[in-house]
């Protein structure tokens, strides 16, 4: 199973769920996608494909929100990912936060 952090480690983006090599927006499960935001990575991993599980997706998102509240004082996944209130947020932090959320819901 490819976890959300695996997608983010492969490539991270902002303001859109996923994009191709040229930066064009694509669906998160599209084969041409090479970069994902937190929301797109979670959807690609937990809502599409062989291991789709809506309950796990919801639990993962709630875990990520709790991490964001604790670390950044912000619940919104998109606001943190898009650096609206977290200007130093980047790919390595996205991967780290996703891995922690995965551990909290038993994916790691």
C-alpha atoms as a PDB file:
ATOM      1  CA  UNK A   1       0.000   0.000   0.000  1.00  0.00           C
ATOM      2  CA  UNK A   2       1.323   3.427  -0.949  1.00  0.00           C
ATOM      3  CA  UNK A   3       0.713   5.712   2.034  1.00  0.00           C
ATOM      4  CA  UNK A   4       0.031   9.465   1.914  1.00  0.00           C
ATOM      5  CA  UNK A   5       3.606  10.180   3.046  1.00  0.00           C
ATOM      6  CA  UNK A   6       4.913   8.098   0.127  1.00  0.00           C
ATOM      7  CA  UNK A   7       3.066  10.343  -2.316  1.00  0.00           C
ATOM      8  CA  UNK A   8       4.315  13.495  -0.565  1.00  0.00           C
ATOM      9  CA  UNK A   9       7.877  12.185  -0.515  1.00  0.00           C
ATOM     10  CA  UNK A  10       7.674  11.509  -4.250  1.00  0.00           C
ATOM     11  CA  UNK A  11       6.527  15.076  -4.882  1.00  0.00           C
ATOM     12  CA  UNK A  12       4.724  17.860  -3.019  1.00  0.00           C
ATOM     13  CA  UNK A  13       2.580  20.681  -4.352  1.00  0.00           C
ATOM     14  CA  UNK A  14       0.382  23.476  -3.089  1.00  0.00           C
ATOM     15  CA  UNK A  15      -3.022  24.964  -3.971  1.00  0.00           C
ATOM     16  CA  UNK A  16      -4.149  21.931  -6.032  1.00  0.00           C
ATOM     17  CA  UNK A  17      -4.640  18.251  -5.091  1.00  0.00           C
ATOM     18  CA  UNK A  18      -2.130  16.969  -7.661  1.00  0.00           C
ATOM     19  CA  UNK A  19      -0.193  18.036 -10.729  1.00  0.00           C
ATOM     20  CA  UNK A  20       1.787  16.570 -13.607  1.00  0.00           C
ATOM     21  CA  UNK A  21       5.411  17.307 -14.582  1.00  0.00           C
ATOM     22  CA  UNK A  22       4.407  20.608 -16.193  1.00  0.00           C
ATOM     23  CA  UNK A  23       2.511  21.747 -13.090  1.00  0.00           C
ATOM     24  CA  UNK A  24      -0.922  21.230 -14.654  1.00  0.00           C
ATOM     25  CA  UNK A  25      -3.652  20.140 -12.267  1.00  0.00           C
ATOM     26  CA  UNK A  26      -4.643  16.475 -12.608  1.00  0.00           C
ATOM     27  CA  UNK A  27      -6.746  14.114 -10.510  1.00  0.00           C
ATOM     28  CA  UNK A  28      -4.802  12.694  -7.600  1.00  0.00           C
ATOM     29  CA  UNK A  29      -5.159   9.136  -8.923  1.00  0.00           C
ATOM     30  CA  UNK A  30      -4.167  10.073 -12.492  1.00  0.00           C
ATOM     31  CA  UNK A  31      -1.100   8.199 -13.737  1.00  0.00           C
ATOM     32  CA  UNK A  32       0.492  11.474 -14.855  1.00  0.00           C
ATOM     33  CA  UNK A  33       0.435  12.934 -11.322  1.00  0.00           C
ATOM     34  CA  UNK A  34       3.919  13.510  -9.911  1.00  0.00           C
ATOM     35  CA  UNK A  35       3.219  15.898  -6.998  1.00  0.00           C
ATOM     36  CA  UNK A  36       0.420  15.961  -4.415  1.00  0.00           C
ATOM     37  CA  UNK A  37      -0.772  18.218  -1.604  1.00  0.00           C
ATOM     38  CA  UNK A  38      -1.786  16.691   1.742  1.00  0.00           C
ATOM     39  CA  UNK A  39      -5.410  16.329   0.656  1.00  0.00           C
ATOM     40  CA  UNK A  40      -4.528  14.841  -2.732  1.00  0.00           C
ATOM     41  CA  UNK A  41      -2.049  12.384  -1.209  1.00  0.00           C
ATOM     42  CA  UNK A  42      -4.616  11.197   1.343  1.00  0.00           C
ATOM     43  CA  UNK A  43      -7.237  10.756  -1.372  1.00  0.00           C
ATOM     44  CA  UNK A  44      -4.877   8.929  -3.731  1.00  0.00           C
ATOM     45  CA  UNK A  45      -3.787   6.592  -0.954  1.00  0.00           C
ATOM     46  CA  UNK A  46      -6.943   6.012   1.069  1.00  0.00           C
ATOM     47  CA  UNK A  47      -9.917   6.704  -1.225  1.00  0.00           C
ATOM     48  CA  UNK A  48      -8.779   5.219  -4.541  1.00  0.00           C
ATOM     49  CA  UNK A  49      -7.317   1.928  -5.600  1.00  0.00           C
ATOM     50  CA  UNK A  50      -6.972  -1.475  -4.023  1.00  0.00           C
ATOM     51  CA  UNK A  51      -6.939  -0.319  -0.378  1.00  0.00           C
ATOM     52  CA  UNK A  52      -9.724   2.303  -0.482  1.00  0.00           C
ATOM     53  CA  UNK A  53     -11.185   2.818   2.973  1.00  0.00           C
ATOM     54  CA  UNK A  54     -13.361   5.853   3.756  1.00  0.00           C
ATOM     55  CA  UNK A  55     -13.255   5.313   7.525  1.00  0.00           C
ATOM     56  CA  UNK A  56      -9.461   5.132   7.511  1.00  0.00           C
ATOM     57  CA  UNK A  57      -9.310   8.223   5.290  1.00  0.00           C
ATOM     58  CA  UNK A  58     -11.464  10.153   7.761  1.00  0.00           C
ATOM     59  CA  UNK A  59      -9.408   8.942  10.739  1.00  0.00           C
ATOM     60  CA  UNK A  60      -6.196   9.941   8.950  1.00  0.00           C
ATOM     61  CA  UNK A  61      -7.525  13.428   8.194  1.00  0.00           C
ATOM     62  CA  UNK A  62      -8.657  13.893  11.795  1.00  0.00           C
ATOM     63  CA  UNK A  63      -5.238  12.783  13.018  1.00  0.00           C
ATOM     64  CA  UNK A  64      -3.524  15.224  10.662  1.00  0.00           C
ATOM     65  CA  UNK A  65      -5.807  18.034  11.836  1.00  0.00           C
ATOM     66  CA  UNK A  66      -4.925  17.309  15.482  1.00  0.00           C
ATOM     67  CA  UNK A  67      -1.215  17.407  14.610  1.00  0.00           C
ATOM     68  CA  UNK A  68      -1.704  20.724  12.824  1.00  0.00           C
ATOM     69  CA  UNK A  69      -3.584  22.232  15.763  1.00  0.00           C
ATOM     70  CA  UNK A  70      -0.820  21.126  18.118  1.00  0.00           C
ATOM     71  CA  UNK A  71       2.093  22.250  15.918  1.00  0.00           C
ATOM     72  CA  UNK A  72       0.722  25.265  14.082  1.00  0.00           C
ATOM     73  CA  UNK A  73      -2.464  26.269  15.893  1.00  0.00           C
ATOM     74  CA  UNK A  74      -4.371  25.707  12.630  1.00  0.00           C
ATOM     75  CA  UNK A  75      -6.891  22.932  11.908  1.00  0.00           C
ATOM     76  CA  UNK A  76      -7.239  23.479   8.145  1.00  0.00           C
ATOM     77  CA  UNK A  77      -5.188  20.954   6.177  1.00  0.00           C
ATOM     78  CA  UNK A  78      -5.194  23.120   3.058  1.00  0.00           C
ATOM     79  CA  UNK A  79      -4.153  26.278   4.944  1.00  0.00           C
ATOM     80  CA  UNK A  80      -1.140  24.513   6.444  1.00  0.00           C
ATOM     81  CA  UNK A  81      -0.197  22.759   3.194  1.00  0.00           C
ATOM     82  CA  UNK A  82      -0.524  25.957   1.177  1.00  0.00           C
ATOM     83  CA  UNK A  83       1.569  27.903   3.718  1.00  0.00           C
ATOM     84  CA  UNK A  84      -1.149  30.481   4.255  1.00  0.00           C
ATOM     85  CA  UNK A  85      -0.217  30.821   7.944  1.00  0.00           C
ATOM     86  CA  UNK A  86       2.902  28.653   7.994  1.00  0.00           C
ATOM     87  CA  UNK A  87       5.433  30.318   5.641  1.00  0.00           C
ATOM     88  CA  UNK A  88       8.284  27.938   6.458  1.00  0.00           C
ATOM     89  CA  UNK A  89       6.217  24.798   5.815  1.00  0.00           C
ATOM     90  CA  UNK A  90       7.651  22.635   3.030  1.00  0.00           C
ATOM     91  CA  UNK A  91       7.907  19.132   1.618  1.00  0.00           C
ATOM     92  CA  UNK A  92      10.016  17.643   4.414  1.00  0.00           C
ATOM     93  CA  UNK A  93       7.554  18.901   7.040  1.00  0.00           C
ATOM     94  CA  UNK A  94       4.626  17.623   4.957  1.00  0.00           C
ATOM     95  CA  UNK A  95       6.182  14.149   4.853  1.00  0.00           C
ATOM     96  CA  UNK A  96       6.982  14.205   8.577  1.00  0.00           C
ATOM     97  CA  UNK A  97       3.459  15.296   9.554  1.00  0.00           C
ATOM     98  CA  UNK A  98       1.900  12.669   7.279  1.00  0.00           C
ATOM     99  CA  UNK A  99       4.056   9.903   8.785  1.00  0.00           C
ATOM    100  CA  UNK A 100       3.033  10.922  12.290  1.00  0.00           C
ATOM    101  CA  UNK A 101      -0.659  10.897  11.286  1.00  0.00           C
ATOM    102  CA  UNK A 102      -0.157   7.457   9.695  1.00  0.00           C
ATOM    103  CA  UNK A 103       1.367   6.136  12.938  1.00  0.00           C
ATOM    104  CA  UNK A 104      -1.519   7.516  14.978  1.00  0.00           C
ATOM    105  CA  UNK A 105      -4.099   5.613  12.888  1.00  0.00           C
ATOM    106  CA  UNK A 106      -2.063   2.380  12.693  1.00  0.00           C
ATOM    107  CA  UNK A 107      -0.778   2.600   9.129  1.00  0.00           C
ATOM    108  CA  UNK A 108       2.851   2.461  10.288  1.00  0.00           C
END
